[in-house]
Each structure stands twice: as structure tokens, then as C-alpha cells.
Amino acid sequence: MIRFVSLILICSVLSSCKKLDEYTKFEMDFNEKTVIPSSTGVNLPFNVFSPDIETDSENTFAINDTRKDLIEEIHLTQLDLRLTSPSNSDFSFLESISIFISAEGLSELKIAWKDEVDPNTDDTLILDIADDDLQEYIKKNEFKLRVNAVTDEFLTSDHHINIHTRFFVDAIILGQ
């Protein structure tokens, strides 16, 4: 009987710890715009830089009852590109694409890519992502993205792209 009660007690404690642990996990989304200029050459790699992306991480962490020093890990879970103009265009002009993240005092890191872009793709492109812990980049006040791409056709107009990133954050709740 004592073993049965002990087993039930242990199971309920573990269950509440798992529920509490779920409150320490949240997502951070960022959207940034960039332009691939019409003068881009064919079959030559080129770089496009995003403006600085403000993280507002301290505020986001506070809303989620944590602080920078209590973050356990941050991983990129999604990076997709949406072509916003010209209208009726798609990503078939791309041969390959890579996205790099950088922040002050940290080295640049490749976080997403598509080595071979399907020529039948539409106006949304979902990239493959790395599984690196990116907390040092996201805990900064701002970070920057660099797009490195190769086109397989000449662009006659600028292509405006929205870069959407989603980061999974695992932290410790304040006071726990």
C-alpha cells in the first residue's frame, strides 16, 4: 500500500513539473523586409543585408516571466520567405539561397538555406534550418540577417521579400 501511494505521489509531482515546464517555453517571431535588386547577375552569388532587427527581448522575456540570464536555449524553428512584389511573381528565379545571422560581438552563423530551389515554387519559400542554440544572438538588442543567393535568370524588376523567423525559447520562470 505504501508503495502504491508513493508511486501515485511521484507521478503527480512529475506531472506538475512537466506542466510548469510548459510555462517556461514560448516563441518569438520577427518579420523583416529585404529587396533583391533587378540588376542582380545570373549564376553569380550576391548578398543582401537586412536592416538591424530589434529584438525587444528584455520586454518579451518579462512578459513571459523570465529574464535574459534565465534563458536555457533559443532555437530557430521556422524561416520562410514571402515574395510581396512584383505581383504574380514567384521564387523560380532563385537557384539557391542561404540566410546568416550576426550580432555585435558574435560571429556570423548560417541558420537557414535551400540548396536547390524548386523551379515550380510559388511566392512562399520555406527554408531548411540549422539546429544551433541562438540565444546569444536573440538576447542582444538587435541582430542582422544576411541573404546570400544565386539566381538562374535575369531580374527585370526589384523583388521585395518578407523574411519571417520564428524562434523557440526555453527559459526558467522567475522565482522557480
Protein backbone atom coordinates (compact mmCIF):
# COMPACT_ATOMS: atom_id res chain seq x y z
CA MET A 1 0.00 0.00 0.00
CA ILE A 2 2.80 2.46 0.88
CA ARG A 3 4.50 1.72 -2.44
CA PHE A 4 1.26 2.41 -4.31
CA VAL A 5 0.75 5.76 -2.54
CA SER A 6 4.40 6.66 -3.15
CA LEU A 7 4.07 5.81 -6.82
CA ILE A 8 0.96 7.98 -7.18
CA LEU A 9 2.68 10.85 -5.35
CA ILE A 10 5.78 10.63 -7.56
CA CYS A 11 3.64 10.55 -10.73
CA SER A 12 1.65 13.61 -9.69
CA VAL A 13 4.80 15.57 -8.80
CA LEU A 14 6.40 14.71 -12.14
CA SER A 15 3.20 15.63 -13.96
CA SER A 16 3.05 19.07 -12.28
CA CYS A 17 6.73 19.69 -13.06
CA LYS A 18 6.07 18.98 -16.72
CA LYS A 19 3.08 21.35 -16.69
CA LEU A 20 5.16 24.06 -15.02
CA ASP A 21 7.96 23.49 -17.54
CA GLU A 22 5.49 24.24 -20.38
CA TYR A 23 5.02 27.77 -18.98
CA THR A 24 8.72 28.44 -19.50
CA LYS A 25 8.52 27.83 -23.24
CA PHE A 26 7.37 30.44 -25.73
CA GLU A 27 8.01 31.68 -29.26
CA MET A 28 9.40 34.91 -30.64
CA ASP A 29 8.53 35.97 -34.19
CA PHE A 30 10.34 38.54 -36.31
CA ASN A 31 9.44 39.93 -39.71
CA GLU A 32 11.87 41.84 -41.85
CA LYS A 33 11.78 43.08 -45.42
CA THR A 34 14.57 42.97 -47.98
CA VAL A 35 14.90 43.65 -51.69
CA ILE A 36 16.70 41.67 -54.37
CA PRO A 37 17.60 44.34 -56.91
CA SER A 38 16.80 43.99 -60.60
CA SER A 39 20.45 44.44 -61.58
CA THR A 40 21.38 41.12 -59.95
CA GLY A 41 23.54 38.96 -62.23
CA VAL A 42 22.70 35.41 -63.28
CA ASN A 43 24.56 32.44 -61.72
CA LEU A 44 26.64 34.73 -59.52
CA PRO A 45 26.28 34.75 -55.73
CA PHE A 46 25.20 38.06 -54.24
CA ASN A 47 24.47 39.35 -50.73
CA VAL A 48 21.55 41.39 -49.44
CA PHE A 49 21.62 42.67 -45.87
CA SER A 50 18.63 43.33 -43.65
CA PRO A 51 18.48 46.46 -41.53
CA ASP A 52 19.15 45.86 -37.84
CA ILE A 53 16.30 43.83 -36.36
CA GLU A 54 15.39 44.98 -32.85
CA THR A 55 14.70 42.02 -30.61
CA ASP A 56 12.87 43.74 -27.75
CA SER A 57 13.99 40.57 -25.96
CA GLU A 58 14.02 42.01 -22.44
CA ASN A 59 10.36 43.04 -22.76
CA THR A 60 9.37 39.71 -24.35
CA PHE A 61 11.19 37.80 -21.62
CA ALA A 62 9.49 39.91 -18.91
CA ILE A 63 6.04 39.26 -20.45
CA ASN A 64 6.87 35.55 -20.20
CA ASP A 65 8.04 35.86 -16.56
CA THR A 66 11.74 35.38 -17.21
CA ARG A 67 14.98 37.31 -17.83
CA LYS A 68 17.98 37.03 -20.17
CA ASP A 69 20.08 35.24 -17.56
CA LEU A 70 17.37 32.56 -17.14
CA ILE A 71 17.22 31.53 -20.80
CA GLU A 72 18.22 27.91 -21.28
CA GLU A 73 18.12 27.82 -25.10
CA ILE A 74 16.71 29.52 -28.19
CA HIS A 75 16.34 27.66 -31.48
CA LEU A 76 15.13 28.75 -34.89
CA THR A 77 12.05 26.65 -35.71
CA GLN A 78 10.88 28.36 -38.90
CA LEU A 79 12.24 30.66 -41.56
CA ASP A 80 10.12 31.41 -44.58
CA LEU A 81 10.29 33.96 -47.35
CA ARG A 82 7.23 35.57 -48.95
CA LEU A 83 7.56 37.48 -52.19
CA THR A 84 5.46 40.63 -51.85
CA SER A 85 6.23 42.26 -55.21
CA PRO A 86 6.20 42.26 -58.13
CA SER A 87 2.71 40.81 -58.09
CA ASN A 88 2.21 37.48 -59.84
CA SER A 89 5.89 36.55 -59.41
CA ASP A 90 7.41 33.55 -57.65
CA PHE A 91 10.75 32.27 -56.38
CA SER A 92 11.56 30.32 -59.56
CA PHE A 93 14.29 32.91 -60.30
CA LEU A 94 16.36 31.52 -57.40
CA GLU A 95 18.84 28.71 -57.83
CA SER A 96 19.91 28.62 -54.16
CA ILE A 97 19.67 30.76 -51.04
CA SER A 98 21.26 30.90 -47.57
CA ILE A 99 20.46 33.11 -44.58
CA PHE A 100 23.07 34.10 -41.99
CA ILE A 101 22.59 35.77 -38.59
CA SER A 102 25.04 38.16 -36.95
CA ALA A 103 25.05 40.39 -33.89
CA GLU A 104 27.53 42.72 -32.24
CA GLY A 105 30.47 40.78 -30.82
CA LEU A 106 29.31 37.44 -32.30
CA SER A 107 30.50 35.71 -35.42
CA GLU A 108 28.16 35.23 -38.35
CA LEU A 109 26.30 31.89 -38.44
CA LYS A 110 24.38 30.15 -41.24
CA ILE A 111 20.87 29.48 -39.91
CA ALA A 112 18.77 28.58 -42.97
CA TRP A 113 19.15 27.56 -46.60
CA LYS A 114 17.68 25.96 -49.68
CA ASP A 115 20.47 24.45 -51.79
CA GLU A 116 18.22 23.79 -54.79
CA VAL A 117 15.11 25.90 -55.17
CA ASP A 118 12.34 24.07 -56.98
CA PRO A 119 11.65 25.89 -60.27
CA ASN A 120 7.91 25.30 -59.69
CA THR A 121 7.85 27.09 -56.34
CA ASP A 122 5.29 29.84 -55.71
CA ASP A 123 5.55 33.13 -53.79
CA THR A 124 6.43 31.42 -50.48
CA LEU A 125 9.66 29.57 -49.81
CA ILE A 126 10.24 27.58 -46.62
CA LEU A 127 13.93 27.12 -45.88
CA ASP A 128 15.77 24.26 -44.18
CA ILE A 129 17.03 25.37 -40.77
CA ALA A 130 20.03 24.69 -38.55
CA ASP A 131 19.59 23.40 -35.01
CA ASP A 132 22.04 25.78 -33.32
CA ASP A 133 21.35 27.40 -29.96
CA LEU A 134 20.92 31.06 -30.93
CA GLN A 135 20.28 32.58 -27.51
CA GLU A 136 23.34 34.83 -27.59
CA TYR A 137 22.08 36.44 -30.83
CA ILE A 138 18.46 36.88 -29.69
CA LYS A 139 19.43 38.16 -26.23
CA LYS A 140 21.21 41.09 -27.92
CA ASN A 141 19.24 44.31 -28.50
CA GLU A 142 19.42 43.71 -32.25
CA PHE A 143 20.66 41.27 -34.83
CA LYS A 144 21.13 41.35 -38.59
CA LEU A 145 20.35 38.86 -41.35
CA ARG A 146 22.40 38.43 -44.50
CA VAL A 147 20.83 36.79 -47.54
CA ASN A 148 23.26 35.07 -49.90
CA ALA A 149 21.58 33.88 -53.09
CA VAL A 150 22.22 32.76 -56.64
CA THR A 151 19.67 33.45 -59.37
CA ASP A 152 19.23 31.41 -62.52
CA GLU A 153 17.51 34.14 -64.52
CA PHE A 154 17.92 37.87 -65.04
CA LEU A 155 15.61 40.05 -62.92
CA THR A 156 13.93 42.90 -64.76
CA SER A 157 12.43 44.40 -61.58
CA ASP A 158 13.22 44.59 -57.88
CA HIS A 159 11.86 41.67 -55.86
CA HIS A 160 10.57 42.61 -52.39
CA ILE A 161 10.70 39.80 -49.86
CA ASN A 162 9.33 39.46 -46.34
CA ILE A 163 11.57 37.30 -44.12
CA HIS A 164 9.64 35.65 -41.29
CA THR A 165 11.55 33.92 -38.49
CA ARG A 166 10.17 32.03 -35.50
CA PHE A 167 12.37 31.20 -32.52
CA PHE A 168 11.51 28.71 -29.76
CA VAL A 169 12.61 29.93 -26.32
CA ASP A 170 13.07 27.68 -23.30
CA ALA A 171 13.59 29.57 -20.05
CA ILE A 172 13.29 29.34 -16.31
CA ILE A 173 10.32 31.14 -14.73
CA LEU A 174 11.26 33.90 -12.29
CA GLY A 175 11.18 32.68 -8.72
CA GLN A 176 11.43 28.98 -9.65
